[in-house]
Amino acid sequence: MTRFEAGLLHVSTILVAGTGLVYAWMIWFVRPTDPYAIVNHPLQPQVQHAHILVAPLLVFAAGLVWQRHIWDHWSRGVRRGRWSGLGMMLTLVPLVASGYLLQTAVDDAWRNVWLWVHLVTSGLWIVGYLVHQVPTVRLWMQGRRREAQDSDMISSMDEAKAARRSQRANRSRS
């Protein structure tokens, strides 16, 4: 997977999850100040529209990483991240389908079905995504620790060189 593909997947996941969580918060936890208000928050329609507009970006990003990351790792038998990645891919289809069907369903019973499917698969996607990032974050942190240790060694070597120079300068003066 290229840096562009990874970045696109990260950004699209953050945007879709962020707008979805804010939208859910507005629906279930915000109470309107006006008892006759149609929406709970004045920005609720804009957040919903943003969520609907950025969701195809996530679908595109998932499709983009399919060949180089998902299928490549699966066919080579890479074990790291297999279960979380597989779980994410299995939740993606019902997540996308329920999002589409939620927008098009007319009957309240079906809207509730698609809503709950969408909520459950969204939660599973977010958890799977976070779990899938753990090994990468660990490797990154180990690399940062190594860099910090290396820089500490370099700075201590620089301090030792500076101390030797200072001693030489003091000797040459005396």
C-alpha atoms as a PDB file:
ATOM      1  CA  MET A   1       0.000   0.000   0.000  1.00  0.00           C
ATOM      2  CA  THR A   2       1.386   3.394  -0.930  1.00  0.00           C
ATOM      3  CA  ARG A   3       1.502   6.354   1.448  1.00  0.00           C
ATOM      4  CA  PHE A   4      -1.200   8.031  -0.648  1.00  0.00           C
ATOM      5  CA  GLU A   5      -3.511   5.015  -0.321  1.00  0.00           C
ATOM      6  CA  ALA A   6      -2.893   4.741   3.422  1.00  0.00           C
ATOM      7  CA  GLY A   7      -3.405   8.472   3.886  1.00  0.00           C
ATOM      8  CA  LEU A   8      -6.613   8.421   1.860  1.00  0.00           C
ATOM      9  CA  LEU A   9      -7.944   5.512   3.908  1.00  0.00           C
ATOM     10  CA  HIS A  10      -7.013   7.234   7.187  1.00  0.00           C
ATOM     11  CA  VAL A  11      -8.503  10.591   6.185  1.00  0.00           C
ATOM     12  CA  SER A  12     -11.696   9.079   4.783  1.00  0.00           C
ATOM     13  CA  THR A  13     -12.197   6.890   7.862  1.00  0.00           C
ATOM     14  CA  ILE A  14     -11.667   9.862  10.173  1.00  0.00           C
ATOM     15  CA  LEU A  15     -14.055  12.048   8.155  1.00  0.00           C
ATOM     16  CA  VAL A  16     -16.799   9.436   7.870  1.00  0.00           C
ATOM     17  CA  ALA A  17     -16.497   8.257  11.480  1.00  0.00           C
ATOM     18  CA  GLY A  18     -16.242  11.822  12.756  1.00  0.00           C
ATOM     19  CA  THR A  19     -19.280  13.106  10.899  1.00  0.00           C
ATOM     20  CA  GLY A  20     -21.215   9.946  11.771  1.00  0.00           C
ATOM     21  CA  LEU A  21     -20.432  10.229  15.477  1.00  0.00           C
ATOM     22  CA  VAL A  22     -21.277  13.941  15.537  1.00  0.00           C
ATOM     23  CA  TYR A  23     -24.519  13.269  13.673  1.00  0.00           C
ATOM     24  CA  ALA A  24     -25.449  10.469  16.099  1.00  0.00           C
ATOM     25  CA  TRP A  25     -24.665  12.758  19.044  1.00  0.00           C
ATOM     26  CA  MET A  26     -26.922  15.442  17.565  1.00  0.00           C
ATOM     27  CA  ILE A  27     -29.796  12.996  17.093  1.00  0.00           C
ATOM     28  CA  TRP A  28     -29.694  11.178  20.437  1.00  0.00           C
ATOM     29  CA  PHE A  29     -28.083  13.525  22.947  1.00  0.00           C
ATOM     30  CA  VAL A  30     -28.835  17.106  21.884  1.00  0.00           C
ATOM     31  CA  ARG A  31     -32.193  18.555  22.818  1.00  0.00           C
ATOM     32  CA  PRO A  32     -33.531  21.469  20.767  1.00  0.00           C
ATOM     33  CA  THR A  33     -34.134  24.784  22.506  1.00  0.00           C
ATOM     34  CA  ASP A  34     -37.253  25.350  20.400  1.00  0.00           C
ATOM     35  CA  PRO A  35     -39.990  22.791  21.152  1.00  0.00           C
ATOM     36  CA  TYR A  36     -41.194  23.062  17.531  1.00  0.00           C
ATOM     37  CA  ALA A  37     -37.775  22.492  15.961  1.00  0.00           C
ATOM     38  CA  ILE A  38     -37.475  19.815  13.297  1.00  0.00           C
ATOM     39  CA  VAL A  39     -33.811  19.162  14.103  1.00  0.00           C
ATOM     40  CA  ASN A  40     -32.047  18.915  17.443  1.00  0.00           C
ATOM     41  CA  HIS A  41     -29.133  21.113  16.411  1.00  0.00           C
ATOM     42  CA  PRO A  42     -28.979  23.878  13.769  1.00  0.00           C
ATOM     43  CA  LEU A  43     -26.010  22.180  12.043  1.00  0.00           C
ATOM     44  CA  GLN A  44     -27.582  18.716  12.003  1.00  0.00           C
ATOM     45  CA  PRO A  45     -28.563  18.814   8.288  1.00  0.00           C
ATOM     46  CA  GLN A  46     -25.077  20.008   7.271  1.00  0.00           C
ATOM     47  CA  VAL A  47     -23.392  17.265   9.307  1.00  0.00           C
ATOM     48  CA  GLN A  48     -25.684  14.657   7.744  1.00  0.00           C
ATOM     49  CA  HIS A  49     -24.892  15.985   4.261  1.00  0.00           C
ATOM     50  CA  ALA A  50     -21.168  16.000   5.018  1.00  0.00           C
ATOM     51  CA  HIS A  51     -21.401  12.379   6.197  1.00  0.00           C
ATOM     52  CA  ILE A  52     -23.240  11.340   3.047  1.00  0.00           C
ATOM     53  CA  LEU A  53     -20.789  13.238   0.824  1.00  0.00           C
ATOM     54  CA  VAL A  54     -17.581  11.845   2.390  1.00  0.00           C
ATOM     55  CA  ALA A  55     -18.821   8.231   2.676  1.00  0.00           C
ATOM     56  CA  PRO A  56     -18.085   7.455  -1.018  1.00  0.00           C
ATOM     57  CA  LEU A  57     -14.493   8.552  -0.361  1.00  0.00           C
ATOM     58  CA  LEU A  58     -14.190   5.709   2.167  1.00  0.00           C
ATOM     59  CA  VAL A  59     -15.676   3.228  -0.305  1.00  0.00           C
ATOM     60  CA  PHE A  60     -13.207   4.438  -2.959  1.00  0.00           C
ATOM     61  CA  ALA A  61     -10.264   4.218  -0.528  1.00  0.00           C
ATOM     62  CA  ALA A  62     -11.213   0.671   0.522  1.00  0.00           C
ATOM     63  CA  GLY A  63     -11.427  -0.337  -3.134  1.00  0.00           C
ATOM     64  CA  LEU A  64      -8.088   1.329  -3.833  1.00  0.00           C
ATOM     65  CA  VAL A  65      -6.238  -0.613  -1.132  1.00  0.00           C
ATOM     66  CA  TRP A  66      -7.878  -3.897  -2.089  1.00  0.00           C
ATOM     67  CA  GLN A  67      -5.258  -4.988  -4.645  1.00  0.00           C
ATOM     68  CA  ARG A  68      -2.025  -3.808  -3.049  1.00  0.00           C
ATOM     69  CA  HIS A  69      -2.818  -4.367   0.581  1.00  0.00           C
ATOM     70  CA  ILE A  70      -5.754  -6.642   1.295  1.00  0.00           C
ATOM     71  CA  TRP A  71      -5.486  -9.178  -1.527  1.00  0.00           C
ATOM     72  CA  ASP A  72      -1.686  -9.052  -1.518  1.00  0.00           C
ATOM     73  CA  HIS A  73      -1.463  -9.795   2.214  1.00  0.00           C
ATOM     74  CA  TRP A  74      -4.127 -12.483   1.988  1.00  0.00           C
ATOM     75  CA  SER A  75      -2.463 -14.285  -0.930  1.00  0.00           C
ATOM     76  CA  ARG A  76       1.016 -14.122   0.695  1.00  0.00           C
ATOM     77  CA  GLY A  77      -0.359 -15.433   4.005  1.00  0.00           C
ATOM     78  CA  VAL A  78       0.596 -12.401   6.082  1.00  0.00           C
ATOM     79  CA  ARG A  79      -0.688 -13.027   9.600  1.00  0.00           C
ATOM     80  CA  ARG A  80      -0.268  -9.586  11.215  1.00  0.00           C
ATOM     81  CA  GLY A  81      -3.595  -7.766  11.193  1.00  0.00           C
ATOM     82  CA  ARG A  82      -5.401 -10.545   9.356  1.00  0.00           C
ATOM     83  CA  TRP A  83      -8.399 -10.884  11.673  1.00  0.00           C
ATOM     84  CA  SER A  84      -8.994  -7.191  12.178  1.00  0.00           C
ATOM     85  CA  GLY A  85      -8.577  -6.548   8.444  1.00  0.00           C
ATOM     86  CA  LEU A  86     -10.893  -9.397   7.528  1.00  0.00           C
ATOM     87  CA  GLY A  87     -13.432  -8.154  10.065  1.00  0.00           C
ATOM     88  CA  MET A  88     -13.285  -4.685   8.557  1.00  0.00           C
ATOM     89  CA  MET A  89     -13.813  -5.983   5.043  1.00  0.00           C
ATOM     90  CA  LEU A  90     -16.748  -8.143   6.153  1.00  0.00           C
ATOM     91  CA  THR A  91     -18.407  -5.148   7.833  1.00  0.00           C
ATOM     92  CA  LEU A  92     -17.817  -2.823   4.881  1.00  0.00           C
ATOM     93  CA  VAL A  93     -20.460  -4.335   2.589  1.00  0.00           C
ATOM     94  CA  PRO A  94     -23.350  -4.208   5.095  1.00  0.00           C
ATOM     95  CA  LEU A  95     -22.106  -0.800   6.290  1.00  0.00           C
ATOM     96  CA  VAL A  96     -22.282   0.687   2.789  1.00  0.00           C
ATOM     97  CA  ALA A  97     -25.487  -1.133   1.825  1.00  0.00           C
ATOM     98  CA  SER A  98     -27.296  -0.113   5.007  1.00  0.00           C
ATOM     99  CA  GLY A  99     -26.172   3.504   4.569  1.00  0.00           C
ATOM    100  CA  TYR A 100     -27.637   3.536   1.079  1.00  0.00           C
ATOM    101  CA  LEU A 101     -30.820   1.712   2.106  1.00  0.00           C
ATOM    102  CA  LEU A 102     -31.256   3.992   5.116  1.00  0.00           C
ATOM    103  CA  GLN A 103     -31.438   6.952   2.723  1.00  0.00           C
ATOM    104  CA  THR A 104     -33.895   5.274   0.361  1.00  0.00           C
ATOM    105  CA  ALA A 105     -36.193   3.303   2.704  1.00  0.00           C
ATOM    106  CA  VAL A 106     -39.729   4.664   2.933  1.00  0.00           C
ATOM    107  CA  ASP A 107     -41.262   2.331   5.521  1.00  0.00           C
ATOM    108  CA  ASP A 108     -40.382   3.174   9.146  1.00  0.00           C
ATOM    109  CA  ALA A 109     -39.842  -0.464  10.071  1.00  0.00           C
ATOM    110  CA  TRP A 110     -37.241  -0.902   7.325  1.00  0.00           C
ATOM    111  CA  ARG A 111     -35.620   2.433   8.184  1.00  0.00           C
ATOM    112  CA  ASN A 112     -35.171   1.153  11.746  1.00  0.00           C
ATOM    113  CA  VAL A 113     -33.699  -2.131  10.492  1.00  0.00           C
ATOM    114  CA  TRP A 114     -31.203  -0.323   8.245  1.00  0.00           C
ATOM    115  CA  LEU A 115     -30.436   2.167  10.993  1.00  0.00           C
ATOM    116  CA  TRP A 116     -29.462  -0.575  13.452  1.00  0.00           C
ATOM    117  CA  VAL A 117     -27.493  -2.491  10.819  1.00  0.00           C
ATOM    118  CA  HIS A 118     -25.673   0.738   9.983  1.00  0.00           C
ATOM    119  CA  LEU A 119     -24.977   1.573  13.632  1.00  0.00           C
ATOM    120  CA  VAL A 120     -23.676  -1.909  14.474  1.00  0.00           C
ATOM    121  CA  THR A 121     -21.492  -2.208  11.382  1.00  0.00           C
ATOM    122  CA  SER A 122     -20.216   1.356  11.875  1.00  0.00           C
ATOM    123  CA  GLY A 123     -19.176   0.512  15.411  1.00  0.00           C
ATOM    124  CA  LEU A 124     -17.517  -2.695  14.243  1.00  0.00           C
ATOM    125  CA  TRP A 125     -15.697  -0.818  11.460  1.00  0.00           C
ATOM    126  CA  ILE A 126     -14.356   1.818  13.868  1.00  0.00           C
ATOM    127  CA  VAL A 127     -13.236  -0.772  16.430  1.00  0.00           C
ATOM    128  CA  GLY A 128     -11.712  -2.958  13.701  1.00  0.00           C
ATOM    129  CA  TYR A 129      -9.925   0.033  12.215  1.00  0.00           C
ATOM    130  CA  LEU A 130      -8.436   1.028  15.572  1.00  0.00           C
ATOM    131  CA  VAL A 131      -7.400  -2.559  16.370  1.00  0.00           C
ATOM    132  CA  HIS A 132      -5.888  -2.897  12.886  1.00  0.00           C
ATOM    133  CA  GLN A 133      -3.709   0.169  13.542  1.00  0.00           C
ATOM    134  CA  VAL A 134      -2.237  -1.154  16.829  1.00  0.00           C
ATOM    135  CA  PRO A 135       0.695  -3.117  15.279  1.00  0.00           C
ATOM    136  CA  THR A 136       1.574  -0.179  13.039  1.00  0.00           C
ATOM    137  CA  VAL A 137       1.479   2.261  15.939  1.00  0.00           C
ATOM    138  CA  ARG A 138       3.634  -0.106  18.012  1.00  0.00           C
ATOM    139  CA  LEU A 139       6.238  -0.308  15.242  1.00  0.00           C
ATOM    140  CA  TRP A 140       6.150   3.454  14.833  1.00  0.00           C
ATOM    141  CA  MET A 141       6.592   3.977  18.581  1.00  0.00           C
ATOM    142  CA  GLN A 142       9.514   1.541  18.677  1.00  0.00           C
ATOM    143  CA  GLY A 143      11.097   3.420  15.797  1.00  0.00           C
ATOM    144  CA  ARG A 144      10.553   6.723  17.613  1.00  0.00           C
ATOM    145  CA  ARG A 145      12.109   5.257  20.767  1.00  0.00           C
ATOM    146  CA  ARG A 146      15.068   4.030  18.722  1.00  0.00           C
ATOM    147  CA  GLU A 147      15.412   7.467  17.144  1.00  0.00           C
ATOM    148  CA  ALA A 148      15.257   9.072  20.590  1.00  0.00           C
ATOM    149  CA  GLN A 149      17.863   6.654  21.925  1.00  0.00           C
ATOM    150  CA  ASP A 150      20.054   7.296  18.899  1.00  0.00           C
ATOM    151  CA  SER A 151      19.677  11.047  19.311  1.00  0.00           C
ATOM    152  CA  ASP A 152      20.457  10.697  23.034  1.00  0.00           C
ATOM    153  CA  MET A 153      23.594   8.762  22.119  1.00  0.00           C
ATOM    154  CA  ILE A 154      24.512  11.385  19.537  1.00  0.00           C
ATOM    155  CA  SER A 155      23.887  14.249  21.943  1.00  0.00           C
ATOM    156  CA  SER A 156      25.927  12.513  24.665  1.00  0.00           C
ATOM    157  CA  MET A 157      28.692  11.928  22.105  1.00  0.00           C
ATOM    158  CA  ASP A 158      28.471  15.604  21.130  1.00  0.00           C
ATOM    159  CA  GLU A 159      28.686  16.585  24.795  1.00  0.00           C
ATOM    160  CA  ALA A 160      31.747  14.350  25.236  1.00  0.00           C
ATOM    161  CA  LYS A 161      33.385  15.919  22.155  1.00  0.00           C
ATOM    162  CA  ALA A 162      32.611  19.399  23.468  1.00  0.00           C
ATOM    163  CA  ALA A 163      34.089  18.480  26.860  1.00  0.00           C
ATOM    164  CA  ARG A 164      37.289  17.158  25.193  1.00  0.00           C
ATOM    165  CA  ARG A 165      37.574  20.331  23.111  1.00  0.00           C
ATOM    166  CA  SER A 166      37.136  22.412  26.230  1.00  0.00           C
ATOM    167  CA  GLN A 167      39.820  20.393  28.038  1.00  0.00           C
ATOM    168  CA  ARG A 168      42.221  20.800  25.072  1.00  0.00           C
ATOM    169  CA  ALA A 169      41.542  24.519  24.958  1.00  0.00           C
ATOM    170  CA  ASN A 170      42.202  24.805  28.698  1.00  0.00           C
ATOM    171  CA  ARG A 171      45.464  22.817  28.341  1.00  0.00           C
ATOM    172  CA  SER A 172      46.662  24.931  25.455  1.00  0.00           C
ATOM    173  CA  ARG A 173      45.999  28.125  27.447  1.00  0.00           C
ATOM    174  CA  SER A 174      47.975  26.908  30.461  1.00  0.00           C
END
